[in-house]
Structure formats: C-alpha cells, structure tokens
Amino acid sequence: MNDWVYIITGFIVAYLLGSIPTAVWVGKWFYGKDIRNEGSGNAGATNTIRILGVKAGIPVILVDVFKGYLAVYLMHYFTPDSFSVETAVYLQIVAGFIAVIGHALPVFAGFRGGKGVGTLLGVGIALYPVAVWFPVAIFAFVFLLTGYVSLGSILATAAFPFIVIFFMHETNPGLIVLSIAAPLLILWTHRKNIQRMLSGTENRFRFRQKK
C-alpha cells in the first residue's frame, strides 16, 4: 500500500508540473494579456511568439519542454526500489503522459491549456534521448519548407513510431506503445488545425517581434 502512495504522489506531481501554464502566466504577468484570447487561442509557444514575440516565446517553449522532462525524471524518486527496471520505465511513461494531459488541461489555468507538443518533446528527451532528435529534424524541415507549425508537428510525430521501432530497434513494449500513442495524441490536439489545412484557412507562421 505504501508503494502505491509514492507512485500516486509521483503522478500528481507530474500532473501539477504539466499544469504550469507557462504561456498564460508569461502573457498575463509581463504583457497584461491572456494568450488564449488572441491569435489561435492556444496556450503554447507558437501562439505566444505570434502574438507577443520571440522574446516571450523562448521561455515558454523552454519551460514547457523542461516540465515534461522533469515529470519523467522525478518519477525515479517515487518508484519503489523493489520494482523492476521495466516496471520503473512503465511508471515513467505514465508520468510523462500525465504531464502532457496537465499541459492540455491545466488545473492552474481553468483547464484551458495548449496542445502539448513542447511538453511531449520533453518527455521524449527523457525516454528516447537519441530517437527523439530525428522527428525534431523532420519538424524543422517541414516548418521551414511550408511555414506550418501544425503540419511539422503532425508529420514529425507520425514518423516517430517508425524511427523507434525500425531504426532504433526498441524492444520495450511500453516505449513502443508510447511512440505509437504520441502521434495519435497530437492528431487529436491538432484536429482543428487539420480542418483548417484541409479548407485552406490555416495560417502560416511568421516571426514577429513585439516590445
């Protein structure tokens, strides 16, 4: 029973970390704006840069990535020593997933959060320290080619399972399942972007500095 108290505590910590609404707080504290009421309405780095500028967006993306990484890392301290390495990895996977949910549904911001790409990247860095950089490269290529952040995010995560399974030869079932679940989650959080792309109304990203 005590083991589960530690584990559940770790999951709660992961959710609270994910719930840190970086874009919302940066917008309100330093610019007097709720980023969710402007632009795409998304509480993430892309909308922050679009509305408030690169200077505001950089700390948003850094914190969003770090909180995903930290949620996974801290789960080490909430996993009983008697658990196997494989079980510990499963718990880290769950903690990472919970952190992404926290980002999308943050308790500190009325459950109106972002799409979870940055936080998911942080989880990926913690669990797939090598494989994760391949989809990052794909995202950068697609974004620079098309100007669509949403398309870059979707294609990058869609390629991730193939990279993990066929190129990195991952054998841990939990890590394989997570690599497949990640693009499904991104597709769900980007469903409105997909509709706009199909209708030709999705905005291309443009860097714009704001004072």
Protein backbone atom coordinates (compact mmCIF):
# COMPACT_ATOMS: atom_id res chain seq x y z
CA MET A 1 0.00 0.00 0.00
CA ASN A 2 2.82 2.41 0.85
CA ASP A 3 4.32 1.74 -2.57
CA TRP A 4 1.17 2.98 -4.26
CA VAL A 5 1.14 6.11 -2.12
CA TYR A 6 4.56 7.00 -3.52
CA ILE A 7 3.52 6.16 -7.07
CA ILE A 8 0.28 8.15 -6.96
CA THR A 9 2.15 11.07 -5.41
CA GLY A 10 4.57 10.94 -8.34
CA PHE A 11 1.67 11.01 -10.79
CA ILE A 12 0.16 14.01 -9.01
CA VAL A 13 3.50 15.81 -9.17
CA ALA A 14 3.68 15.02 -12.90
CA TYR A 15 0.22 16.49 -13.47
CA LEU A 16 0.99 19.62 -11.47
CA LEU A 17 4.23 20.12 -13.39
CA GLY A 18 2.38 19.71 -16.67
CA SER A 19 -0.27 22.13 -15.45
CA ILE A 20 2.18 25.02 -15.18
CA PRO A 21 0.58 27.32 -17.80
CA THR A 22 3.76 28.97 -19.00
CA ALA A 23 2.24 30.85 -21.93
CA VAL A 24 -0.69 32.09 -19.83
CA TRP A 25 1.49 33.32 -16.99
CA VAL A 26 4.08 34.97 -19.24
CA GLY A 27 1.30 36.74 -21.15
CA LYS A 28 -0.54 37.93 -18.05
CA TRP A 29 2.43 38.82 -15.85
CA PHE A 30 4.62 40.58 -18.39
CA TYR A 31 2.26 41.72 -21.15
CA GLY A 32 -1.12 42.04 -19.47
CA LYS A 33 -2.71 39.65 -21.98
CA ASP A 34 -4.36 36.26 -21.82
CA ILE A 35 -2.79 34.50 -24.77
CA ARG A 36 -5.83 32.23 -25.04
CA ASN A 37 -7.99 35.17 -26.09
CA GLU A 38 -5.82 36.12 -29.06
CA GLY A 39 -4.48 34.53 -32.21
CA SER A 40 -5.21 30.83 -32.36
CA GLY A 41 -6.30 30.83 -28.71
CA ASN A 42 -3.73 28.16 -27.94
CA ALA A 43 -1.69 28.45 -24.74
CA GLY A 44 1.58 27.40 -26.30
CA ALA A 45 4.86 28.75 -27.62
CA THR A 46 3.70 29.18 -31.22
CA ASN A 47 0.79 31.44 -30.35
CA THR A 48 2.94 33.26 -27.80
CA ILE A 49 5.56 34.09 -30.43
CA ARG A 50 2.89 35.06 -32.94
CA ILE A 51 1.17 37.46 -30.53
CA LEU A 52 3.89 38.57 -28.09
CA GLY A 53 7.11 37.95 -30.00
CA VAL A 54 10.15 35.70 -29.83
CA LYS A 55 11.36 37.18 -26.54
CA ALA A 56 8.19 35.95 -24.84
CA GLY A 57 8.07 32.65 -26.70
CA ILE A 58 11.56 31.39 -25.85
CA PRO A 59 10.98 30.96 -22.09
CA VAL A 60 7.57 29.42 -22.84
CA ILE A 61 8.98 26.65 -25.03
CA LEU A 62 11.95 26.05 -22.71
CA VAL A 63 9.76 25.66 -19.62
CA ASP A 64 7.17 23.57 -21.45
CA VAL A 65 9.87 21.15 -22.63
CA PHE A 66 11.57 21.05 -19.25
CA LYS A 67 8.40 20.29 -17.30
CA GLY A 68 7.82 17.22 -19.48
CA TYR A 69 11.38 16.07 -18.94
CA LEU A 70 11.21 16.76 -15.20
CA ALA A 71 7.95 14.84 -14.76
CA VAL A 72 9.63 11.72 -16.14
CA TYR A 73 12.89 12.26 -14.28
CA LEU A 74 11.28 12.81 -10.89
CA MET A 75 9.34 9.57 -11.20
CA HIS A 76 12.62 7.84 -10.32
CA TYR A 77 12.20 9.14 -6.78
CA PHE A 78 8.61 7.90 -6.48
CA THR A 79 9.31 4.40 -7.75
CA PRO A 80 9.93 1.79 -5.00
CA ASP A 81 13.38 0.19 -5.10
CA SER A 82 11.76 -3.25 -5.18
CA PHE A 83 10.26 -2.58 -8.63
CA SER A 84 11.98 -3.92 -11.73
CA VAL A 85 13.65 -1.65 -14.25
CA GLU A 86 10.93 -2.46 -16.79
CA THR A 87 8.18 -1.54 -14.32
CA ALA A 88 10.00 1.69 -13.49
CA VAL A 89 10.02 2.59 -17.19
CA TYR A 90 6.27 1.97 -17.39
CA LEU A 91 5.70 4.32 -14.47
CA GLN A 92 7.86 6.98 -16.13
CA ILE A 93 5.82 6.61 -19.31
CA VAL A 94 2.58 7.12 -17.40
CA ALA A 95 4.05 10.13 -15.58
CA GLY A 96 5.09 11.67 -18.90
CA PHE A 97 1.65 11.10 -20.38
CA ILE A 98 0.02 12.65 -17.32
CA ALA A 99 2.28 15.71 -17.66
CA VAL A 100 1.10 16.18 -21.25
CA ILE A 101 -2.51 15.92 -20.08
CA GLY A 102 -1.69 18.52 -17.44
CA HIS A 103 -0.42 20.85 -20.14
CA ALA A 104 -3.59 20.41 -22.19
CA LEU A 105 -5.89 20.58 -19.15
CA PRO A 106 -4.03 22.69 -16.56
CA VAL A 107 -5.59 23.00 -13.13
CA PHE A 108 -3.82 26.35 -12.67
CA ALA A 109 -5.48 27.89 -15.74
CA GLY A 110 -9.08 26.75 -15.74
CA PHE A 111 -8.27 23.55 -17.67
CA ARG A 112 -7.64 25.59 -20.84
CA GLY A 113 -4.13 24.79 -21.94
CA GLY A 114 -2.01 24.08 -25.00
CA LYS A 115 -1.60 21.22 -27.42
CA GLY A 116 1.24 19.51 -25.60
CA VAL A 117 3.90 19.42 -28.31
CA GLY A 118 6.62 21.08 -26.20
CA THR A 119 5.84 19.02 -23.12
CA LEU A 120 5.71 15.85 -25.22
CA LEU A 121 9.14 16.74 -26.58
CA GLY A 122 10.45 16.96 -23.01
CA VAL A 123 9.00 13.53 -22.27
CA GLY A 124 10.64 12.24 -25.44
CA ILE A 125 14.03 13.64 -24.47
CA ALA A 126 13.79 11.82 -21.14
CA LEU A 127 12.62 8.47 -22.53
CA TYR A 128 14.15 8.45 -26.03
CA PRO A 129 17.34 10.53 -25.70
CA VAL A 130 18.57 9.57 -29.19
CA ALA A 131 15.47 8.78 -31.25
CA VAL A 132 13.65 12.00 -30.35
CA TRP A 133 16.01 14.19 -32.36
CA PHE A 134 15.03 12.62 -35.68
CA PRO A 135 11.43 13.90 -35.50
CA VAL A 136 12.80 17.25 -34.32
CA ALA A 137 14.76 17.41 -37.57
CA ILE A 138 11.66 16.44 -39.54
CA PHE A 139 9.66 19.16 -37.81
CA ALA A 140 12.29 21.78 -38.61
CA PHE A 141 12.42 20.71 -42.27
CA VAL A 142 8.63 20.74 -42.74
CA PHE A 143 8.23 24.01 -40.86
CA LEU A 144 10.93 25.79 -42.87
CA LEU A 145 9.53 24.38 -46.11
CA THR A 146 5.85 25.14 -45.52
CA GLY A 147 5.61 27.63 -42.64
CA TYR A 148 3.05 25.40 -40.90
CA VAL A 149 3.94 24.55 -37.29
CA SER A 150 0.95 22.24 -37.03
CA LEU A 151 1.94 20.24 -40.12
CA GLY A 152 5.50 19.95 -38.88
CA SER A 153 4.30 18.68 -35.51
CA ILE A 154 1.92 16.15 -37.06
CA LEU A 155 4.42 14.73 -39.57
CA ALA A 156 7.26 14.64 -37.05
CA THR A 157 5.26 12.64 -34.51
CA ALA A 158 3.80 10.44 -37.25
CA ALA A 159 7.33 9.39 -38.18
CA PHE A 160 8.30 8.76 -34.57
CA PRO A 161 6.99 5.16 -34.21
CA PHE A 162 8.84 4.10 -37.36
CA ILE A 163 12.05 5.64 -36.07
CA VAL A 164 11.69 3.98 -32.67
CA ILE A 165 10.72 0.55 -33.97
CA PHE A 166 12.60 0.13 -37.25
CA PHE A 167 15.66 2.36 -36.88
CA MET A 168 16.32 2.31 -33.13
CA HIS A 169 15.05 -1.28 -32.73
CA GLU A 170 13.34 -0.52 -29.43
CA THR A 171 12.16 -3.68 -27.65
CA ASN A 172 10.46 -2.28 -24.54
CA PRO A 173 6.71 -2.73 -25.13
CA GLY A 174 5.84 0.38 -23.14
CA LEU A 175 8.16 2.62 -25.14
CA ILE A 176 6.84 1.15 -28.38
CA VAL A 177 3.22 1.78 -27.37
CA LEU A 178 4.05 5.34 -26.29
CA SER A 179 5.75 6.05 -29.62
CA ILE A 180 2.51 4.99 -31.34
CA ALA A 181 0.26 6.87 -28.91
CA ALA A 182 2.20 10.14 -29.31
CA PRO A 183 1.09 10.86 -32.91
CA LEU A 184 -2.49 9.88 -32.05
CA LEU A 185 -2.47 12.42 -29.23
CA ILE A 186 -1.00 15.11 -31.48
CA LEU A 187 -3.61 14.38 -34.15
CA TRP A 188 -6.34 14.84 -31.56
CA THR A 189 -4.97 18.12 -30.17
CA HIS A 190 -4.44 19.42 -33.74
CA ARG A 191 -7.82 18.35 -35.11
CA LYS A 192 -8.92 21.97 -35.68
CA ASN A 193 -5.62 22.73 -37.42
CA ILE A 194 -6.19 19.75 -39.71
CA GLN A 195 -9.65 21.05 -40.59
CA ARG A 196 -8.20 24.48 -41.38
CA MET A 197 -5.43 22.99 -43.52
CA LEU A 198 -7.97 20.96 -45.48
CA SER A 199 -10.08 24.07 -46.03
CA GLY A 200 -7.06 26.21 -46.86
CA THR A 201 -7.55 28.61 -43.94
CA GLU A 202 -4.63 27.57 -41.72
CA ASN A 203 -2.26 30.48 -41.12
CA ARG A 204 1.41 30.11 -41.92
CA PHE A 205 3.72 31.05 -39.09
CA ARG A 206 5.50 34.38 -39.27
CA PHE A 207 8.12 35.55 -36.77
CA ARG A 208 7.24 38.92 -35.39
CA GLN A 209 8.99 40.83 -32.64
CA LYS A 210 6.88 42.56 -30.00
CA LYS A 211 8.01 45.07 -27.44
